[in-house]
């Protein structure tokens, strides 16, 4: 007997960690992947860490939808829930990415994964629950291979 649970299926993900030198001694490590939500809509998921000679920026996850597809609710955190029912919250860190802080792009959100990333087990299916305005939250399954990449990003600058 096969039991199917909607929303927990993984789509194939084939990303790779990219290494970019932004300035002498300043590196950005990132993983990019297009993921599908519960309605089949595409989201660009970009996990990245910026390493400077004198500091290291936390691991961030930026989620980007096509304009007009969703208005992200930045007053609530991104929730990461695994198939065992465990949940973690990633706080919004979107403000610094917008040149006009009074008019942030509604379809772009950025979250700090650093405090929780090593608690996430790639062997256990994971789903992002992205808070949005005027509709149900967006549910995005994360393939285990992608979660493994995100975890390895957290140690790139070490």
C-alpha atoms as a PDB file:
ATOM      1  CA  UNK A   1       0.000   0.000   0.000  1.00  0.00           C
ATOM      2  CA  UNK A   2       1.296   3.442  -0.900  1.00  0.00           C
ATOM      3  CA  UNK A   3       0.336   6.494   1.118  1.00  0.00           C
ATOM      4  CA  UNK A   4       0.661   9.828  -0.656  1.00  0.00           C
ATOM      5  CA  UNK A   5       0.895  13.095   1.242  1.00  0.00           C
ATOM      6  CA  UNK A   6       0.291  16.224  -0.824  1.00  0.00           C
ATOM      7  CA  UNK A   7       3.018  18.811  -0.419  1.00  0.00           C
ATOM      8  CA  UNK A   8       5.806  16.499   0.744  1.00  0.00           C
ATOM      9  CA  UNK A   9       6.987  15.331  -2.655  1.00  0.00           C
ATOM     10  CA  UNK A  10      10.351  16.507  -3.787  1.00  0.00           C
ATOM     11  CA  UNK A  11      11.047  17.732  -7.256  1.00  0.00           C
ATOM     12  CA  UNK A  12      14.464  16.947  -8.671  1.00  0.00           C
ATOM     13  CA  UNK A  13      17.028  19.602  -7.863  1.00  0.00           C
ATOM     14  CA  UNK A  14      20.379  19.883  -9.491  1.00  0.00           C
ATOM     15  CA  UNK A  15      22.117  22.951  -8.191  1.00  0.00           C
ATOM     16  CA  UNK A  16      25.706  23.518  -7.319  1.00  0.00           C
ATOM     17  CA  UNK A  17      27.512  25.872  -5.006  1.00  0.00           C
ATOM     18  CA  UNK A  18      28.844  28.836  -6.906  1.00  0.00           C
ATOM     19  CA  UNK A  19      31.802  30.858  -5.694  1.00  0.00           C
ATOM     20  CA  UNK A  20      31.978  34.512  -6.769  1.00  0.00           C
ATOM     21  CA  UNK A  21      34.657  37.047  -5.906  1.00  0.00           C
ATOM     22  CA  UNK A  22      32.868  40.383  -5.424  1.00  0.00           C
ATOM     23  CA  UNK A  23      36.020  42.280  -4.467  1.00  0.00           C
ATOM     24  CA  UNK A  24      39.561  41.289  -3.502  1.00  0.00           C
ATOM     25  CA  UNK A  25      39.186  38.960  -0.537  1.00  0.00           C
ATOM     26  CA  UNK A  26      35.387  39.196  -0.534  1.00  0.00           C
ATOM     27  CA  UNK A  27      33.656  35.997  -1.611  1.00  0.00           C
ATOM     28  CA  UNK A  28      30.026  35.042  -2.055  1.00  0.00           C
ATOM     29  CA  UNK A  29      29.055  31.383  -1.951  1.00  0.00           C
ATOM     30  CA  UNK A  30      25.604  30.630  -3.306  1.00  0.00           C
ATOM     31  CA  UNK A  31      23.207  27.924  -4.361  1.00  0.00           C
ATOM     32  CA  UNK A  32      20.393  28.722  -6.820  1.00  0.00           C
ATOM     33  CA  UNK A  33      17.443  26.528  -7.623  1.00  0.00           C
ATOM     34  CA  UNK A  34      13.959  26.947  -9.039  1.00  0.00           C
ATOM     35  CA  UNK A  35      11.364  25.283  -6.812  1.00  0.00           C
ATOM     36  CA  UNK A  36       7.641  24.711  -7.325  1.00  0.00           C
ATOM     37  CA  UNK A  37       4.990  25.661  -4.770  1.00  0.00           C
ATOM     38  CA  UNK A  38       1.750  23.777  -4.046  1.00  0.00           C
ATOM     39  CA  UNK A  39       0.121  25.415  -7.088  1.00  0.00           C
ATOM     40  CA  UNK A  40       2.961  24.598  -9.484  1.00  0.00           C
ATOM     41  CA  UNK A  41       4.245  28.177  -9.547  1.00  0.00           C
ATOM     42  CA  UNK A  42       7.988  28.728  -9.731  1.00  0.00           C
ATOM     43  CA  UNK A  43      10.098  30.346  -7.021  1.00  0.00           C
ATOM     44  CA  UNK A  44      13.786  31.105  -7.291  1.00  0.00           C
ATOM     45  CA  UNK A  45      15.509  29.966  -4.074  1.00  0.00           C
ATOM     46  CA  UNK A  46      18.943  31.506  -3.564  1.00  0.00           C
ATOM     47  CA  UNK A  47      20.886  30.542  -0.449  1.00  0.00           C
ATOM     48  CA  UNK A  48      24.071  32.533   0.015  1.00  0.00           C
ATOM     49  CA  UNK A  49      26.797  33.528   2.405  1.00  0.00           C
ATOM     50  CA  UNK A  50      29.105  36.521   1.955  1.00  0.00           C
ATOM     51  CA  UNK A  51      32.608  36.259   3.419  1.00  0.00           C
ATOM     52  CA  UNK A  52      34.812  39.327   3.847  1.00  0.00           C
ATOM     53  CA  UNK A  53      38.380  39.355   5.176  1.00  0.00           C
ATOM     54  CA  UNK A  54      37.258  40.725   8.542  1.00  0.00           C
ATOM     55  CA  UNK A  55      33.738  39.312   8.864  1.00  0.00           C
ATOM     56  CA  UNK A  56      31.215  36.767   7.717  1.00  0.00           C
ATOM     57  CA  UNK A  57      27.579  37.497   6.935  1.00  0.00           C
ATOM     58  CA  UNK A  58      25.034  34.862   8.030  1.00  0.00           C
ATOM     59  CA  UNK A  59      23.553  32.345   5.634  1.00  0.00           C
ATOM     60  CA  UNK A  60      20.531  33.894   3.957  1.00  0.00           C
ATOM     61  CA  UNK A  61      17.765  32.406   1.854  1.00  0.00           C
ATOM     62  CA  UNK A  62      16.233  34.715  -0.729  1.00  0.00           C
ATOM     63  CA  UNK A  63      12.920  33.639  -2.295  1.00  0.00           C
ATOM     64  CA  UNK A  64      11.787  35.350  -5.494  1.00  0.00           C
ATOM     65  CA  UNK A  65       8.522  34.948  -7.394  1.00  0.00           C
ATOM     66  CA  UNK A  66       7.401  36.520 -10.638  1.00  0.00           C
ATOM     67  CA  UNK A  67       6.006  40.036 -10.051  1.00  0.00           C
ATOM     68  CA  UNK A  68       2.315  39.990  -9.181  1.00  0.00           C
ATOM     69  CA  UNK A  69       2.349  36.338  -8.143  1.00  0.00           C
ATOM     70  CA  UNK A  70       2.467  36.904  -4.364  1.00  0.00           C
ATOM     71  CA  UNK A  71       2.889  39.662  -1.808  1.00  0.00           C
ATOM     72  CA  UNK A  72       5.166  38.370   0.930  1.00  0.00           C
ATOM     73  CA  UNK A  73       4.063  39.156   4.486  1.00  0.00           C
ATOM     74  CA  UNK A  74       7.277  40.373   6.134  1.00  0.00           C
ATOM     75  CA  UNK A  75       5.613  40.713   9.539  1.00  0.00           C
ATOM     76  CA  UNK A  76       5.726  36.906   9.914  1.00  0.00           C
ATOM     77  CA  UNK A  77       8.742  34.583   9.707  1.00  0.00           C
ATOM     78  CA  UNK A  78       9.384  31.907   7.123  1.00  0.00           C
ATOM     79  CA  UNK A  79       8.460  28.567   8.708  1.00  0.00           C
ATOM     80  CA  UNK A  80      10.415  25.433   7.862  1.00  0.00           C
ATOM     81  CA  UNK A  81       8.566  22.229   8.761  1.00  0.00           C
ATOM     82  CA  UNK A  82       9.790  18.681   8.313  1.00  0.00           C
ATOM     83  CA  UNK A  83       7.707  15.563   7.749  1.00  0.00           C
ATOM     84  CA  UNK A  84       8.085  14.654  11.457  1.00  0.00           C
ATOM     85  CA  UNK A  85       6.168  17.802  12.404  1.00  0.00           C
ATOM     86  CA  UNK A  86       9.186  19.739  13.719  1.00  0.00           C
ATOM     87  CA  UNK A  87       9.176  23.438  12.842  1.00  0.00           C
ATOM     88  CA  UNK A  88      11.728  26.232  12.802  1.00  0.00           C
ATOM     89  CA  UNK A  89      11.292  29.944  12.128  1.00  0.00           C
ATOM     90  CA  UNK A  90      13.634  32.031   9.980  1.00  0.00           C
ATOM     91  CA  UNK A  91      13.329  35.744  10.596  1.00  0.00           C
ATOM     92  CA  UNK A  92      12.822  38.221   7.802  1.00  0.00           C
ATOM     93  CA  UNK A  93      16.017  39.998   6.716  1.00  0.00           C
ATOM     94  CA  UNK A  94      14.679  41.668   3.567  1.00  0.00           C
ATOM     95  CA  UNK A  95      15.075  45.351   4.396  1.00  0.00           C
ATOM     96  CA  UNK A  96      18.767  45.742   3.433  1.00  0.00           C
ATOM     97  CA  UNK A  97      18.267  44.336  -0.082  1.00  0.00           C
ATOM     98  CA  UNK A  98      15.913  47.090  -1.277  1.00  0.00           C
ATOM     99  CA  UNK A  99      17.238  50.436  -2.479  1.00  0.00           C
ATOM    100  CA  UNK A 100      13.929  52.073  -1.582  1.00  0.00           C
ATOM    101  CA  UNK A 101      13.061  50.806   1.908  1.00  0.00           C
ATOM    102  CA  UNK A 102       9.640  52.480   1.696  1.00  0.00           C
ATOM    103  CA  UNK A 103       8.737  50.440  -1.407  1.00  0.00           C
ATOM    104  CA  UNK A 104      10.168  46.923  -1.090  1.00  0.00           C
ATOM    105  CA  UNK A 105       9.477  44.499  -3.894  1.00  0.00           C
ATOM    106  CA  UNK A 106       6.449  42.461  -2.701  1.00  0.00           C
ATOM    107  CA  UNK A 107       7.558  39.288  -4.509  1.00  0.00           C
ATOM    108  CA  UNK A 108      11.035  39.084  -2.900  1.00  0.00           C
ATOM    109  CA  UNK A 109      11.816  37.923   0.623  1.00  0.00           C
ATOM    110  CA  UNK A 110      15.076  37.195   2.395  1.00  0.00           C
ATOM    111  CA  UNK A 111      15.479  35.166   5.602  1.00  0.00           C
ATOM    112  CA  UNK A 112      18.320  34.427   8.019  1.00  0.00           C
ATOM    113  CA  UNK A 113      18.919  30.656   8.080  1.00  0.00           C
ATOM    114  CA  UNK A 114      22.149  30.762  10.122  1.00  0.00           C
ATOM    115  CA  UNK A 115      20.588  30.053  13.557  1.00  0.00           C
ATOM    116  CA  UNK A 116      18.716  26.964  12.327  1.00  0.00           C
ATOM    117  CA  UNK A 117      20.464  25.510   9.279  1.00  0.00           C
ATOM    118  CA  UNK A 118      22.505  22.871  11.101  1.00  0.00           C
ATOM    119  CA  UNK A 119      19.351  21.663  12.911  1.00  0.00           C
ATOM    120  CA  UNK A 120      17.755  20.703   9.591  1.00  0.00           C
ATOM    121  CA  UNK A 121      18.314  17.084   8.608  1.00  0.00           C
ATOM    122  CA  UNK A 122      18.512  16.497   4.833  1.00  0.00           C
ATOM    123  CA  UNK A 123      17.295  12.908   5.372  1.00  0.00           C
ATOM    124  CA  UNK A 124      13.891  14.211   6.549  1.00  0.00           C
ATOM    125  CA  UNK A 125      11.630  15.895   3.947  1.00  0.00           C
ATOM    126  CA  UNK A 126      11.342  19.639   4.487  1.00  0.00           C
ATOM    127  CA  UNK A 127       8.779  22.218   3.399  1.00  0.00           C
ATOM    128  CA  UNK A 128       8.962  26.015   3.440  1.00  0.00           C
ATOM    129  CA  UNK A 129       5.834  27.858   4.531  1.00  0.00           C
ATOM    130  CA  UNK A 130       6.121  31.369   3.126  1.00  0.00           C
ATOM    131  CA  UNK A 131       3.697  33.888   4.638  1.00  0.00           C
ATOM    132  CA  UNK A 132       1.874  35.948   2.029  1.00  0.00           C
ATOM    133  CA  UNK A 133      -0.848  38.574   2.086  1.00  0.00           C
ATOM    134  CA  UNK A 134      -4.398  38.072   0.763  1.00  0.00           C
ATOM    135  CA  UNK A 135      -4.092  34.306   0.175  1.00  0.00           C
ATOM    136  CA  UNK A 136      -3.050  31.057   1.848  1.00  0.00           C
ATOM    137  CA  UNK A 137       0.616  30.709   2.733  1.00  0.00           C
ATOM    138  CA  UNK A 138       2.835  29.390  -0.031  1.00  0.00           C
ATOM    139  CA  UNK A 139       4.125  25.833   0.542  1.00  0.00           C
ATOM    140  CA  UNK A 140       7.404  24.905  -1.141  1.00  0.00           C
ATOM    141  CA  UNK A 141       8.966  21.437  -0.768  1.00  0.00           C
ATOM    142  CA  UNK A 142      12.770  21.449  -0.516  1.00  0.00           C
ATOM    143  CA  UNK A 143      14.659  18.525  -2.066  1.00  0.00           C
ATOM    144  CA  UNK A 144      17.120  16.839   0.286  1.00  0.00           C
ATOM    145  CA  UNK A 145      20.005  17.505  -2.108  1.00  0.00           C
ATOM    146  CA  UNK A 146      19.288  21.214  -1.969  1.00  0.00           C
ATOM    147  CA  UNK A 147      19.049  21.237   1.816  1.00  0.00           C
ATOM    148  CA  UNK A 148      22.445  19.489   1.908  1.00  0.00           C
ATOM    149  CA  UNK A 149      23.871  22.284  -0.237  1.00  0.00           C
ATOM    150  CA  UNK A 150      22.434  24.933   2.050  1.00  0.00           C
ATOM    151  CA  UNK A 151      24.002  23.224   5.050  1.00  0.00           C
ATOM    152  CA  UNK A 152      27.395  23.085   3.338  1.00  0.00           C
ATOM    153  CA  UNK A 153      27.135  26.803   2.525  1.00  0.00           C
ATOM    154  CA  UNK A 154      26.952  27.528   6.241  1.00  0.00           C
ATOM    155  CA  UNK A 155      30.525  26.268   6.621  1.00  0.00           C
ATOM    156  CA  UNK A 156      32.061  27.670   3.401  1.00  0.00           C
ATOM    157  CA  UNK A 157      33.804  30.597   5.057  1.00  0.00           C
ATOM    158  CA  UNK A 158      35.147  28.585   7.988  1.00  0.00           C
END
